[in-house]
C-alpha atoms as a PDB file:
ATOM      1  CA  MET A   1      44.694 234.082 124.527  1.00  0.00           C
ATOM      2  CA  ALA A   2      43.038 235.817 121.480  1.00  0.00           C
ATOM      3  CA  LEU A   3      40.676 233.346 119.214  1.00  0.00           C
ATOM      4  CA  ARG A   4      40.591 233.912 115.613  1.00  0.00           C
ATOM      5  CA  ARG A   5      39.691 232.062 112.738  1.00  0.00           C
ATOM      6  CA  VAL A   6      41.954 231.844 109.453  1.00  0.00           C
ATOM      7  CA  LEU A   7      41.082 230.481 106.077  1.00  0.00           C
ATOM      8  CA  PHE A   8      42.832 229.062 103.529  1.00  0.00           C
ATOM      9  CA  ARG A   9      41.171 228.177 100.085  1.00  0.00           C
ATOM     10  CA  GLY A  10      42.852 227.262  96.477  1.00  0.00           C
ATOM     11  CA  LEU A  11      43.900 223.669  94.782  1.00  0.00           C
ATOM     12  CA  VAL A  12      44.604 221.158  97.704  1.00  0.00           C
ATOM     13  CA  LYS A  13      48.416 221.475  97.085  1.00  0.00           C
ATOM     14  CA  GLU A  14      48.167 224.926  97.436  1.00  0.00           C
ATOM     15  CA  ALA A  15      46.004 225.382 100.347  1.00  0.00           C
ATOM     16  CA  GLU A  16      48.538 222.715 102.083  1.00  0.00           C
ATOM     17  CA  GLU A  17      51.588 225.231 101.028  1.00  0.00           C
ATOM     18  CA  GLU A  18      49.823 228.006 102.581  1.00  0.00           C
ATOM     19  CA  MET A  19      48.867 226.102 105.801  1.00  0.00           C
ATOM     20  CA  ASN A  20      52.389 225.150 106.437  1.00  0.00           C
ATOM     21  CA  LYS A  21      53.792 228.654 105.815  1.00  0.00           C
ATOM     22  CA  TYR A  22      51.497 230.184 108.167  1.00  0.00           C
ATOM     23  CA  LEU A  23      51.964 227.506 110.928  1.00  0.00           C
ATOM     24  CA  SER A  24      55.841 227.923 110.702  1.00  0.00           C
ATOM     25  CA  THR A  25      55.481 231.591 111.155  1.00  0.00           C
ATOM     26  CA  HIS A  26      53.013 232.030 113.579  1.00  0.00           C
ATOM     27  CA  GLU A  27      52.980 230.397 117.322  1.00  0.00           C
ATOM     28  CA  VAL A  28      49.188 229.125 117.852  1.00  0.00           C
ATOM     29  CA  ARG A  29      47.245 226.120 118.757  1.00  0.00           C
ATOM     30  CA  VAL A  30      44.976 224.984 116.307  1.00  0.00           C
ATOM     31  CA  LEU A  31      41.648 223.935 117.804  1.00  0.00           C
ATOM     32  CA  HIS A  32      39.843 222.377 115.111  1.00  0.00           C
ATOM     33  CA  MET A  33      40.248 221.825 111.344  1.00  0.00           C
ATOM     34  CA  ALA A  34      36.879 222.181 108.821  1.00  0.00           C
ATOM     35  CA  PRO A  35      37.630 221.493 105.301  1.00  0.00           C
ATOM     36  CA  SER A  36      35.131 221.600 102.742  1.00  0.00           C
ATOM     37  CA  GLU A  37      35.532 221.235  98.801  1.00  0.00           C
ATOM     38  CA  THR A  38      34.007 222.330  95.924  1.00  0.00           C
ATOM     39  CA  GLY A  39      35.206 221.084  92.553  1.00  0.00           C
ATOM     40  CA  ASP A  40      38.989 220.704  92.859  1.00  0.00           C
ATOM     41  CA  HIS A  41      39.453 223.487  95.473  1.00  0.00           C
ATOM     42  CA  ILE A  42      39.213 223.382  99.044  1.00  0.00           C
ATOM     43  CA  THR A  43      38.720 225.608 101.840  1.00  0.00           C
ATOM     44  CA  VAL A  44      40.563 225.166 105.183  1.00  0.00           C
ATOM     45  CA  SER A  45      39.102 226.641 108.377  1.00  0.00           C
ATOM     46  CA  LEU A  46      41.611 227.039 111.565  1.00  0.00           C
ATOM     47  CA  PRO A  47      39.994 228.546 114.437  1.00  0.00           C
ATOM     48  CA  VAL A  48      43.178 229.063 116.515  1.00  0.00           C
ATOM     49  CA  GLU A  49      44.347 230.702 119.756  1.00  0.00           C
ATOM     50  CA  GLU A  50      47.409 233.083 119.306  1.00  0.00           C
ATOM     51  CA  PRO A  51      49.126 233.958 122.783  1.00  0.00           C
ATOM     52  CA  GLU A  52      48.516 237.479 123.925  1.00  0.00           C
ATOM     53  CA  PRO A  53      51.610 240.029 122.755  1.00  0.00           C
ATOM     54  CA  LEU A  54      53.881 240.503 125.969  1.00  0.00           C
ATOM     55  CA  LEU A  55      53.175 244.387 127.338  1.00  0.00           C
ATOM     56  CA  ARG A  56      56.765 246.178 127.675  1.00  0.00           C
ATOM     57  CA  GLU A  57      56.812 248.402 131.163  1.00  0.00           C
ATOM     58  CA  GLU A  58      57.657 252.126 130.286  1.00  0.00           C
ATOM     59  CA  GLY A  59      61.371 253.131 131.413  1.00  0.00           C
ATOM     60  CA  ILE A  60      62.721 249.146 131.087  1.00  0.00           C
END
């Protein structure tokens, strides 16, 4: 599994919509969620594990 971090930043509703869109189109396991607020904006950091792509054998 590949480990990476995905960031979402914006107004709370915008960040929520972007997170939902990302999570509905990617097969990931969220390991932790860390929000931080600055004024009316929020930044959400999601460390995620993504499954390794299946390797195709030549000639099949």
